[in-house]
Amino acid sequence: MTLVGHKEGISGVTWLENANEVCTASLDHTIKIWDSEIGGMKGELVGSKAFFGLSYSKHHQLLLTAGCERTIRTYDPRSTQGLIVKSAFASHQVCR
């Protein structure tokens, strides 16, 4: 199966709690949640910058992302209301 929908390269992929759900992060500033059983997109989170990495915590049921703005953010893929970003951590410095 091929899941098509990102406009730029994919920088991360992870399975979610539900065995049929896979999540992808992209340089196109989006995170997409896919249903691998039907081969279609179930949801999309839109960020302000490109995503460089993606991980999922089964314990907390949160997505962790790394982006080009040197910030790690947590997202709740189950959330349908309120803020999409649950927390942000910024501590990395630019090397020159």
N, C-alpha and C. Protein backbone atom coordinates (compact mmCIF):
# COMPACT_ATOMS: atom_id res chain seq x y z
N MET A 1 0.84 -1.17 0.00
CA MET A 1 0.00 0.00 0.00
C MET A 1 0.89 1.24 0.00
N THR A 2 0.48 2.24 -0.72
CA THR A 2 1.16 3.53 -0.74
C THR A 2 0.19 4.59 -0.25
N LEU A 3 0.62 5.36 0.75
CA LEU A 3 -0.20 6.45 1.29
C LEU A 3 0.31 7.75 0.68
N VAL A 4 -0.54 8.42 -0.06
CA VAL A 4 -0.15 9.63 -0.79
C VAL A 4 -0.87 10.83 -0.21
N GLY A 5 -0.12 11.93 0.01
CA GLY A 5 -0.78 13.13 0.49
C GLY A 5 0.15 14.26 0.89
N HIS A 6 1.39 13.95 1.25
CA HIS A 6 2.34 15.01 1.61
C HIS A 6 2.84 15.70 0.35
N LYS A 7 3.13 17.00 0.48
CA LYS A 7 3.63 17.78 -0.65
C LYS A 7 5.15 17.88 -0.67
N GLU A 8 5.80 17.51 0.43
CA GLU A 8 7.26 17.52 0.54
C GLU A 8 7.71 16.19 1.12
N GLY A 9 9.01 16.05 1.35
CA GLY A 9 9.55 14.81 1.88
C GLY A 9 9.04 14.46 3.27
N ILE A 10 8.99 13.18 3.56
CA ILE A 10 8.55 12.68 4.87
C ILE A 10 9.78 12.53 5.76
N SER A 11 9.69 13.10 6.97
CA SER A 11 10.82 13.11 7.89
C SER A 11 10.64 12.18 9.08
N GLY A 12 9.45 11.63 9.26
CA GLY A 12 9.23 10.72 10.37
C GLY A 12 7.96 9.92 10.18
N VAL A 13 7.97 8.71 10.76
CA VAL A 13 6.79 7.84 10.69
C VAL A 13 6.73 7.01 11.96
N THR A 14 5.53 6.80 12.49
CA THR A 14 5.36 5.99 13.69
C THR A 14 3.95 5.41 13.73
N TRP A 15 3.83 4.24 14.35
CA TRP A 15 2.51 3.64 14.58
C TRP A 15 1.92 4.26 15.83
N LEU A 16 0.61 4.44 15.84
CA LEU A 16 -0.10 4.96 17.01
C LEU A 16 -0.65 3.79 17.82
N GLU A 17 -1.37 4.10 18.89
CA GLU A 17 -1.91 3.08 19.80
C GLU A 17 -2.80 2.07 19.07
N ASN A 18 -3.68 2.59 18.21
CA ASN A 18 -4.55 1.74 17.41
C ASN A 18 -3.68 1.09 16.33
N ALA A 19 -3.70 -0.21 16.23
CA ALA A 19 -2.83 -0.94 15.30
C ALA A 19 -3.05 -0.56 13.84
N ASN A 20 -4.18 0.07 13.52
CA ASN A 20 -4.46 0.46 12.14
C ASN A 20 -4.05 1.89 11.82
N GLU A 21 -3.52 2.63 12.81
CA GLU A 21 -3.19 4.03 12.59
C GLU A 21 -1.68 4.25 12.53
N VAL A 22 -1.27 4.95 11.49
CA VAL A 22 0.14 5.32 11.32
C VAL A 22 0.18 6.84 11.15
N CYS A 23 1.23 7.43 11.68
CA CYS A 23 1.37 8.88 11.66
C CYS A 23 2.65 9.25 10.93
N THR A 24 2.58 10.28 10.07
CA THR A 24 3.75 10.73 9.33
C THR A 24 3.96 12.23 9.55
N ALA A 25 5.23 12.62 9.62
CA ALA A 25 5.59 14.04 9.71
C ALA A 25 6.34 14.39 8.43
N SER A 26 6.21 15.66 8.03
CA SER A 26 6.78 16.05 6.74
C SER A 26 7.42 17.43 6.78
N LEU A 27 8.26 17.66 5.79
CA LEU A 27 8.85 18.97 5.60
C LEU A 27 7.82 19.98 5.09
N ASP A 28 6.60 19.52 4.73
CA ASP A 28 5.54 20.41 4.26
C ASP A 28 4.74 21.03 5.40
N HIS A 29 5.26 20.93 6.63
CA HIS A 29 4.67 21.53 7.84
C HIS A 29 3.44 20.79 8.34
N THR A 30 3.24 19.54 7.92
CA THR A 30 2.06 18.80 8.36
C THR A 30 2.43 17.46 9.01
N ILE A 31 1.53 17.04 9.89
CA ILE A 31 1.54 15.69 10.45
C ILE A 31 0.22 15.08 10.01
N LYS A 32 0.30 13.91 9.41
CA LYS A 32 -0.92 13.25 8.93
C LYS A 32 -1.11 11.93 9.68
N ILE A 33 -2.35 11.65 10.02
CA ILE A 33 -2.73 10.39 10.65
C ILE A 33 -3.50 9.59 9.61
N TRP A 34 -3.02 8.36 9.39
CA TRP A 34 -3.55 7.52 8.33
C TRP A 34 -4.22 6.28 8.91
N ASP A 35 -5.25 5.81 8.24
CA ASP A 35 -5.87 4.52 8.55
C ASP A 35 -5.27 3.51 7.57
N SER A 36 -4.43 2.63 8.08
CA SER A 36 -3.74 1.68 7.19
C SER A 36 -4.66 0.59 6.67
N GLU A 37 -5.81 0.44 7.29
CA GLU A 37 -6.76 -0.57 6.82
C GLU A 37 -7.46 -0.13 5.54
N ILE A 38 -7.89 1.14 5.50
CA ILE A 38 -8.59 1.64 4.31
C ILE A 38 -7.67 2.41 3.37
N GLY A 39 -6.46 2.77 3.85
CA GLY A 39 -5.49 3.47 3.02
C GLY A 39 -5.76 4.95 2.85
N GLY A 40 -6.51 5.54 3.79
CA GLY A 40 -6.84 6.96 3.67
C GLY A 40 -6.42 7.76 4.89
N MET A 41 -6.42 9.08 4.74
CA MET A 41 -6.04 9.97 5.82
C MET A 41 -7.21 10.18 6.77
N LYS A 42 -6.93 10.08 8.08
CA LYS A 42 -7.96 10.28 9.11
C LYS A 42 -7.91 11.68 9.70
N GLY A 43 -6.73 12.28 9.70
CA GLY A 43 -6.60 13.60 10.29
C GLY A 43 -5.29 14.25 9.90
N GLU A 44 -5.21 15.55 10.19
CA GLU A 44 -4.02 16.30 9.83
C GLU A 44 -3.79 17.40 10.87
N LEU A 45 -2.54 17.56 11.28
CA LEU A 45 -2.12 18.66 12.14
C LEU A 45 -1.20 19.54 11.32
N VAL A 46 -1.45 20.85 11.33
CA VAL A 46 -0.64 21.76 10.54
C VAL A 46 0.21 22.61 11.47
N GLY A 47 1.52 22.58 11.24
CA GLY A 47 2.46 23.37 12.02
C GLY A 47 2.89 24.61 11.25
N SER A 48 3.72 25.42 11.89
CA SER A 48 4.20 26.64 11.25
C SER A 48 5.55 26.46 10.57
N LYS A 49 6.24 25.35 10.87
CA LYS A 49 7.56 25.07 10.30
C LYS A 49 7.64 23.60 9.91
N ALA A 50 8.72 23.26 9.22
CA ALA A 50 8.95 21.87 8.81
C ALA A 50 9.22 20.98 10.02
N PHE A 51 8.72 19.76 9.96
CA PHE A 51 8.99 18.76 11.00
C PHE A 51 10.18 17.92 10.59
N PHE A 52 11.14 17.73 11.51
CA PHE A 52 12.34 16.94 11.23
C PHE A 52 12.30 15.55 11.84
N GLY A 53 11.42 15.33 12.81
CA GLY A 53 11.36 14.03 13.46
C GLY A 53 10.03 13.85 14.16
N LEU A 54 9.71 12.58 14.46
CA LEU A 54 8.41 12.24 15.04
C LEU A 54 8.55 10.97 15.87
N SER A 55 7.89 10.96 17.03
CA SER A 55 7.85 9.78 17.87
C SER A 55 6.51 9.75 18.58
N TYR A 56 6.13 8.57 19.07
CA TYR A 56 4.85 8.43 19.78
C TYR A 56 5.08 7.76 21.12
N SER A 57 4.50 8.33 22.17
CA SER A 57 4.56 7.75 23.51
C SER A 57 3.26 6.99 23.78
N LYS A 58 3.35 5.67 23.85
CA LYS A 58 2.16 4.86 24.16
C LYS A 58 1.67 5.13 25.58
N HIS A 59 2.62 5.39 26.48
CA HIS A 59 2.27 5.63 27.88
C HIS A 59 1.44 6.91 28.04
N HIS A 60 1.86 7.99 27.38
CA HIS A 60 1.17 9.28 27.50
C HIS A 60 0.20 9.53 26.35
N GLN A 61 0.24 8.71 25.31
CA GLN A 61 -0.58 8.85 24.11
C GLN A 61 -0.40 10.22 23.47
N LEU A 62 0.86 10.65 23.37
CA LEU A 62 1.20 11.94 22.77
C LEU A 62 2.23 11.75 21.66
N LEU A 63 2.16 12.62 20.67
CA LEU A 63 3.17 12.68 19.63
C LEU A 63 4.24 13.67 20.05
N LEU A 64 5.49 13.34 19.80
CA LEU A 64 6.61 14.24 20.05
C LEU A 64 7.21 14.59 18.70
N THR A 65 7.43 15.88 18.46
CA THR A 65 8.00 16.30 17.19
C THR A 65 9.23 17.17 17.41
N ALA A 66 10.14 17.10 16.47
CA ALA A 66 11.30 17.99 16.43
C ALA A 66 11.19 18.80 15.16
N GLY A 67 11.42 20.11 15.28
CA GLY A 67 11.28 20.96 14.12
C GLY A 67 12.49 21.82 13.86
N CYS A 68 12.45 22.52 12.73
CA CYS A 68 13.59 23.33 12.32
C CYS A 68 13.77 24.57 13.19
N GLU A 69 12.80 24.91 14.02
CA GLU A 69 12.93 26.07 14.89
C GLU A 69 13.56 25.71 16.24
N ARG A 70 14.19 24.52 16.32
CA ARG A 70 14.92 24.04 17.51
C ARG A 70 13.99 23.84 18.71
N THR A 71 12.79 23.38 18.47
CA THR A 71 11.81 23.17 19.53
C THR A 71 11.23 21.76 19.43
N ILE A 72 11.07 21.13 20.59
CA ILE A 72 10.36 19.85 20.68
C ILE A 72 8.95 20.18 21.16
N ARG A 73 7.96 19.65 20.46
CA ARG A 73 6.57 19.90 20.84
C ARG A 73 5.84 18.58 21.06
N THR A 74 4.84 18.61 21.94
CA THR A 74 3.97 17.46 22.13
C THR A 74 2.58 17.80 21.60
N TYR A 75 1.99 16.83 20.92
CA TYR A 75 0.65 16.95 20.36
C TYR A 75 -0.19 15.77 20.85
N ASP A 76 -1.46 16.01 21.09
CA ASP A 76 -2.38 14.94 21.44
C ASP A 76 -3.20 14.62 20.19
N PRO A 77 -2.94 13.48 19.53
CA PRO A 77 -3.67 13.18 18.29
C PRO A 77 -5.15 12.90 18.51
N ARG A 78 -5.58 12.69 19.76
CA ARG A 78 -6.99 12.46 20.06
C ARG A 78 -7.76 13.75 20.24
N SER A 79 -7.06 14.87 20.40
CA SER A 79 -7.67 16.16 20.69
C SER A 79 -8.45 16.69 19.50
N THR A 80 -9.66 17.16 19.76
CA THR A 80 -10.47 17.74 18.70
C THR A 80 -10.82 19.19 19.00
N GLN A 81 -10.49 19.67 20.22
CA GLN A 81 -10.80 21.04 20.60
C GLN A 81 -9.61 21.65 21.34
N GLY A 82 -9.58 22.97 21.37
CA GLY A 82 -8.53 23.66 22.11
C GLY A 82 -7.21 23.68 21.37
N LEU A 83 -6.14 23.91 22.12
CA LEU A 83 -4.81 24.01 21.53
C LEU A 83 -4.34 22.66 21.02
N ILE A 84 -3.74 22.67 19.86
CA ILE A 84 -3.19 21.43 19.28
C ILE A 84 -1.89 21.07 19.98
N VAL A 85 -1.04 22.09 20.21
CA VAL A 85 0.25 21.87 20.88
C VAL A 85 -0.01 21.84 22.39
N LYS A 86 0.36 20.73 23.02
CA LYS A 86 0.15 20.58 24.46
C LYS A 86 1.30 21.16 25.27
N SER A 87 2.53 21.08 24.74
CA SER A 87 3.69 21.69 25.40
C SER A 87 4.82 21.85 24.39
N ALA A 88 5.74 22.75 24.72
CA ALA A 88 6.89 23.00 23.84
C ALA A 88 8.13 23.17 24.70
N PHE A 89 9.25 22.63 24.22
CA PHE A 89 10.52 22.70 24.94
C PHE A 89 11.57 23.23 23.99
N ALA A 90 12.20 24.35 24.35
CA ALA A 90 13.22 24.95 23.49
C ALA A 90 14.49 25.18 24.30
N SER A 91 15.56 24.49 23.91
CA SER A 91 16.82 24.71 24.62
C SER A 91 18.03 24.57 23.74
N HIS A 92 17.88 24.08 22.53
CA HIS A 92 19.02 23.88 21.65
C HIS A 92 19.49 25.23 21.10
N GLN A 93 20.79 25.35 20.93
CA GLN A 93 21.40 26.57 20.42
C GLN A 93 21.90 26.32 18.99
N VAL A 94 21.99 27.38 18.24
CA VAL A 94 22.54 27.30 16.90
C VAL A 94 24.06 27.30 16.99
N CYS A 95 24.70 26.35 16.33
CA CYS A 95 26.17 26.29 16.31
C CYS A 95 26.67 27.18 15.16
N ARG A 96 27.67 27.95 15.46
CA ARG A 96 28.25 28.84 14.42
C ARG A 96 29.73 28.64 14.34
